[in-house]
Amino acid sequence: MLDATFSRPDLDAFCRLDTLGLTVVGQQLAAQEAVLACRVSAPAEDRWCRSCGSVGRPRDTVIRRLAHVPFGWRPTVLLVRLRRFGCSGCGRVWRQDLGAAAAPRGRLSRDAVLWALKSLVIDRLSVARIAALLAVAWHTVNDAVLTAGRELLIADPTRLDGVEVLGVDGHCWRHPRGPGSAQVERFVTVIIDLTPVRNGPGPARLLDLVEGRSKAVLHKLAAGPKPGVRAGLQVVVMDGFTGFKTATTEALPRRSR
């Protein structure tokens, strides 16, 4: 009998594939990468046509390659075999739903996207290092992290709760196009929560980087989608840009600046 504190080895649970709706059916380990052959755990749910409701007939299979969370500092690849069905009524062709495991047309599993986001924000790894650990292109990681950041961080309705001191500053990025050519200037607005600095428990917290430097950028944040956000603000610290001052005066007329 196994020790009561242990359970039987389960590769699906160890690699967190059970939460993605996948089951491992084979593995191939090499020095450069680990490849796991997978299938969808519940194929019966995809046999019905969503257009006419008829039963689909199996046609063939396709392979979708996904980068997964690296184990042992070695890239892990998921080769997911998906069955394709053809409708006996309307002739529509579809494949098994992989939405629980990855975004449509995504090259990273959902766990890999979260791992990349945490590695960038918490562990402070560069996008290039994360891409090397996942064995994918730089733009693949960057696009996935930006999308996940907007959904999980920027769109979080509670991220501005407790903000009493707001810091706003404009930053200019200069990107030279080439020798002898004019430089392209692009401004971004840096928005920081300075409440921990005033109260003393910790460092400042970056809230957002918004493209552009205008009155509308700060006015949208100061007005806020939640009335409690504006009510909680007490102090706004900013640079000398007139647009920031105008937006603060209009949206927060009684706040210290």
Protein backbone atom coordinates (compact mmCIF):
# COMPACT_ATOMS: atom_id res chain seq x y z
CA MET A 1 0.00 0.00 0.00
CA LEU A 2 1.26 3.45 -0.85
CA ASP A 3 1.99 5.87 1.95
CA ALA A 4 -1.14 7.79 2.88
CA THR A 5 0.61 11.09 2.18
CA PHE A 6 1.39 10.13 -1.43
CA SER A 7 -0.71 9.28 -4.44
CA ARG A 8 0.09 7.38 -7.61
CA PRO A 9 2.28 9.18 -10.17
CA ASP A 10 0.16 11.21 -12.57
CA LEU A 11 1.91 13.02 -15.43
CA ASP A 12 -1.26 14.91 -16.32
CA ALA A 13 -1.48 16.41 -12.83
CA PHE A 14 2.28 17.02 -12.56
CA CYS A 15 2.33 19.02 -15.80
CA ARG A 16 -1.04 20.63 -14.98
CA LEU A 17 -2.53 19.26 -18.17
CA ASP A 18 -5.62 18.02 -16.36
CA THR A 19 -6.63 21.66 -15.81
CA LEU A 20 -6.24 22.25 -19.56
CA GLY A 21 -8.46 19.33 -20.52
CA LEU A 22 -5.57 17.27 -21.95
CA THR A 23 -4.24 13.79 -21.34
CA VAL A 24 -0.69 12.64 -22.05
CA VAL A 25 -0.44 9.55 -24.26
CA GLY A 26 3.30 9.59 -24.97
CA GLN A 27 6.55 11.38 -24.31
CA GLN A 28 9.85 12.01 -26.07
CA LEU A 29 12.72 13.37 -23.99
CA ALA A 30 15.76 14.96 -25.58
CA ALA A 31 18.55 17.23 -24.39
CA GLN A 32 17.02 20.22 -26.18
CA GLU A 33 13.34 19.76 -25.34
CA ALA A 34 10.69 17.49 -23.87
CA VAL A 35 7.77 16.61 -26.14
CA LEU A 36 4.47 15.35 -24.74
CA ALA A 37 1.94 13.79 -27.08
CA CYS A 38 -1.57 14.64 -25.87
CA ARG A 39 -5.21 14.22 -26.70
CA VAL A 40 -8.35 16.03 -25.55
CA SER A 41 -9.75 14.43 -22.42
CA ALA A 42 -13.45 14.71 -23.34
CA PRO A 43 -13.82 14.17 -27.10
CA ALA A 44 -17.51 13.22 -26.95
CA GLU A 45 -18.58 16.84 -26.40
CA ASP A 46 -17.31 17.90 -29.84
CA ARG A 47 -19.22 15.36 -31.95
CA TRP A 48 -22.33 17.51 -32.41
CA CYS A 49 -22.65 20.10 -35.17
CA ARG A 50 -23.22 23.60 -33.81
CA SER A 51 -25.03 24.66 -36.97
CA CYS A 52 -27.74 22.03 -37.40
CA GLY A 53 -27.27 19.75 -34.36
CA SER A 54 -26.54 16.59 -36.32
CA VAL A 55 -23.95 14.03 -35.26
CA GLY A 56 -20.51 14.54 -36.76
CA ARG A 57 -18.61 11.71 -38.40
CA PRO A 58 -14.86 11.37 -37.75
CA ARG A 59 -12.81 12.42 -40.80
CA ASP A 60 -9.14 12.62 -39.83
CA THR A 61 -6.81 14.13 -37.25
CA VAL A 62 -4.58 17.21 -37.13
CA ILE A 63 -1.66 18.05 -34.84
CA ARG A 64 -1.41 21.34 -33.00
CA ARG A 65 1.92 22.29 -31.44
CA LEU A 66 1.87 24.30 -28.21
CA ALA A 67 4.71 25.58 -26.05
CA HIS A 68 4.12 24.66 -22.41
CA VAL A 69 5.68 25.58 -19.06
CA PRO A 70 9.35 24.45 -19.14
CA PHE A 71 10.32 21.77 -16.65
CA GLY A 72 13.92 21.49 -15.51
CA TRP A 73 14.89 24.57 -17.57
CA ARG A 74 14.15 22.58 -20.71
CA PRO A 75 11.46 23.67 -23.19
CA THR A 76 8.33 21.53 -23.02
CA VAL A 77 6.25 21.06 -26.17
CA LEU A 78 2.71 19.72 -26.37
CA LEU A 79 1.72 17.90 -29.55
CA VAL A 80 -2.06 17.77 -29.29
CA ARG A 81 -3.84 15.42 -31.68
CA LEU A 82 -7.25 16.80 -32.59
CA ARG A 83 -9.95 14.87 -34.37
CA ARG A 84 -11.85 16.50 -37.21
CA PHE A 85 -15.50 15.84 -37.80
CA GLY A 86 -17.83 16.28 -40.76
CA CYS A 87 -21.53 16.95 -40.28
CA SER A 88 -23.80 14.33 -41.81
CA GLY A 89 -26.52 16.95 -42.24
CA CYS A 90 -25.08 20.24 -43.49
CA GLY A 91 -21.57 19.12 -44.39
CA ARG A 92 -19.81 21.47 -41.97
CA VAL A 93 -16.29 20.43 -40.93
CA TRP A 94 -14.81 21.25 -37.52
CA ARG A 95 -12.17 20.04 -35.11
CA GLN A 96 -12.16 19.33 -31.40
CA ASP A 97 -12.38 22.36 -29.14
CA LEU A 98 -9.01 23.28 -27.62
CA GLY A 99 -10.17 26.49 -25.95
CA ALA A 100 -9.45 25.22 -22.44
CA ALA A 101 -5.80 24.59 -23.32
CA ALA A 102 -4.89 27.56 -25.54
CA ALA A 103 -6.29 30.68 -27.13
CA PRO A 104 -7.51 30.42 -30.74
CA ARG A 105 -4.47 30.29 -33.02
CA GLY A 106 -2.23 30.74 -29.99
CA ARG A 107 1.15 29.06 -29.84
CA LEU A 108 1.39 28.98 -26.04
CA SER A 109 -0.70 26.95 -23.66
CA ARG A 110 -2.71 28.98 -21.14
CA ASP A 111 -0.39 27.85 -18.34
CA ALA A 112 2.62 28.92 -20.41
CA VAL A 113 1.13 32.40 -20.87
CA LEU A 114 0.60 32.78 -17.11
CA TRP A 115 4.10 31.46 -16.45
CA ALA A 116 5.56 33.98 -18.90
CA LEU A 117 3.59 36.83 -17.31
CA LYS A 118 4.74 35.90 -13.80
CA SER A 119 8.35 35.46 -14.97
CA LEU A 120 8.30 38.94 -16.47
CA VAL A 121 6.51 40.77 -13.65
CA ILE A 122 7.69 38.89 -10.55
CA ASP A 123 11.00 37.25 -11.52
CA ARG A 124 11.95 40.14 -13.83
CA LEU A 125 13.16 37.93 -16.64
CA SER A 126 13.51 39.55 -20.04
CA VAL A 127 11.17 38.67 -22.89
CA ALA A 128 14.16 37.26 -24.78
CA ARG A 129 15.01 34.92 -21.89
CA ILE A 130 11.40 33.77 -21.55
CA ALA A 131 11.21 33.14 -25.30
CA ALA A 132 14.40 31.05 -25.13
CA LEU A 133 13.00 28.95 -22.26
CA LEU A 134 9.80 28.36 -24.21
CA ALA A 135 11.62 27.84 -27.54
CA VAL A 136 9.39 30.32 -29.38
CA ALA A 137 9.91 33.66 -31.08
CA TRP A 138 10.27 36.93 -29.14
CA HIS A 139 7.12 38.41 -30.68
CA THR A 140 5.12 35.31 -29.74
CA VAL A 141 5.91 35.81 -26.05
CA ASN A 142 5.56 39.58 -26.17
CA ASP A 143 2.13 39.49 -27.81
CA ALA A 144 0.86 36.81 -25.42
CA VAL A 145 2.14 38.65 -22.33
CA LEU A 146 0.64 41.97 -23.43
CA THR A 147 -2.73 40.34 -24.08
CA ALA A 148 -2.71 38.52 -20.74
CA GLY A 149 -1.55 41.66 -18.94
CA ARG A 150 -4.44 43.67 -20.30
CA GLU A 151 -6.97 40.99 -19.36
CA LEU A 152 -5.64 40.13 -15.90
CA LEU A 153 -3.99 43.35 -14.71
CA ILE A 154 -5.17 46.39 -16.64
CA ALA A 155 -8.81 45.24 -16.84
CA ASP A 156 -8.91 44.27 -13.15
CA PRO A 157 -11.58 46.52 -11.60
CA THR A 158 -9.90 46.34 -8.17
CA ARG A 159 -6.39 47.35 -9.18
CA LEU A 160 -7.00 51.02 -8.28
CA ASP A 161 -8.58 50.29 -4.91
CA GLY A 162 -6.74 51.96 -2.06
CA VAL A 163 -4.85 54.44 -4.28
CA GLU A 164 -4.64 57.73 -2.37
CA VAL A 165 -1.50 59.31 -3.86
CA LEU A 166 -1.18 59.15 -7.64
CA GLY A 167 2.01 59.95 -9.54
CA VAL A 168 1.83 60.95 -13.21
CA ASP A 169 4.76 61.66 -15.49
CA GLY A 170 5.29 61.88 -19.23
CA HIS A 171 8.17 59.98 -20.82
CA CYS A 172 9.51 60.40 -24.32
CA TRP A 173 10.98 57.49 -26.25
CA ARG A 174 13.24 58.38 -29.15
CA HIS A 175 13.71 55.81 -31.89
CA PRO A 176 16.26 56.80 -34.57
CA ARG A 177 15.33 55.43 -37.96
CA GLY A 178 18.86 55.48 -39.31
CA PRO A 179 21.96 57.61 -39.87
CA GLY A 180 21.09 61.11 -40.96
CA SER A 181 17.33 60.67 -40.50
CA ALA A 182 15.08 62.54 -38.10
CA GLN A 183 14.18 60.92 -34.81
CA VAL A 184 10.64 59.77 -34.14
CA GLU A 185 9.30 60.92 -30.79
CA ARG A 186 6.67 58.94 -28.96
CA PHE A 187 5.33 59.88 -25.55
CA VAL A 188 3.97 57.55 -22.91
CA THR A 189 2.25 58.49 -19.67
CA VAL A 190 3.62 56.70 -16.61
CA ILE A 191 1.04 56.28 -13.83
CA ILE A 192 2.31 55.20 -10.38
CA ASP A 193 0.68 54.51 -7.03
CA LEU A 194 2.70 56.48 -4.47
CA THR A 195 0.49 55.55 -1.52
CA PRO A 196 2.95 52.95 -0.15
CA VAL A 197 5.74 55.55 -0.24
CA ARG A 198 3.73 58.06 1.77
CA ASN A 199 2.46 55.48 4.27
CA GLY A 200 5.81 53.72 4.54
CA PRO A 201 5.12 49.97 4.12
CA GLY A 202 6.70 49.52 0.72
CA PRO A 203 7.89 50.93 -2.62
CA ALA A 204 5.76 52.62 -5.26
CA ARG A 205 3.57 50.49 -7.52
CA LEU A 206 3.41 50.87 -11.29
CA LEU A 207 -0.23 51.08 -12.36
CA ASP A 208 -0.08 51.67 -16.09
CA LEU A 209 1.89 52.89 -19.09
CA VAL A 210 -0.46 54.64 -21.50
CA GLU A 211 0.62 55.56 -25.01
CA GLY A 212 0.52 59.28 -25.62
CA ARG A 213 0.68 62.35 -23.38
CA SER A 214 -2.51 64.36 -23.33
CA LYS A 215 -5.28 65.65 -21.15
CA ALA A 216 -7.53 62.74 -22.15
CA VAL A 217 -5.11 60.11 -20.82
CA LEU A 218 -5.18 61.36 -17.24
CA HIS A 219 -8.78 62.54 -17.38
CA LYS A 220 -9.96 59.03 -18.24
CA LEU A 221 -8.08 57.53 -15.32
CA ALA A 222 -8.99 60.27 -12.84
CA ALA A 223 -12.67 60.12 -13.73
CA GLY A 224 -12.45 56.36 -13.46
CA PRO A 225 -15.05 53.67 -14.19
CA LYS A 226 -15.63 53.28 -10.43
CA PRO A 227 -16.79 56.27 -8.35
CA GLY A 228 -14.81 54.97 -5.36
CA VAL A 229 -11.52 55.38 -7.20
CA ARG A 230 -11.94 59.14 -7.59
CA ALA A 231 -13.24 59.50 -4.04
CA GLY A 232 -10.18 57.77 -2.62
CA LEU A 233 -7.61 59.95 -4.38
CA GLN A 234 -6.15 62.65 -2.16
CA VAL A 235 -2.95 63.82 -3.84
CA VAL A 236 -1.85 63.86 -7.49
CA VAL A 237 1.86 64.38 -8.15
CA MET A 238 2.70 65.33 -11.73
CA ASP A 239 5.19 67.10 -13.95
CA GLY A 240 4.64 70.55 -15.41
CA PHE A 241 2.62 69.42 -18.42
CA THR A 242 -0.45 71.65 -18.76
CA GLY A 243 -2.69 68.82 -19.95
CA PHE A 244 -2.19 66.84 -16.75
CA LYS A 245 -2.97 69.88 -14.62
CA THR A 246 -6.14 70.66 -16.59
CA ALA A 247 -7.38 67.08 -16.38
CA THR A 248 -6.76 66.94 -12.63
CA THR A 249 -8.53 70.28 -12.07
CA GLU A 250 -11.59 69.11 -13.98
CA ALA A 251 -11.81 65.54 -12.67
CA LEU A 252 -10.45 66.13 -9.14
CA PRO A 253 -11.15 69.78 -8.36
CA ARG A 254 -10.59 69.47 -4.60
CA ARG A 255 -7.48 67.34 -4.63
CA SER A 256 -3.98 68.54 -3.71
CA ARG A 257 -1.64 68.80 -6.66
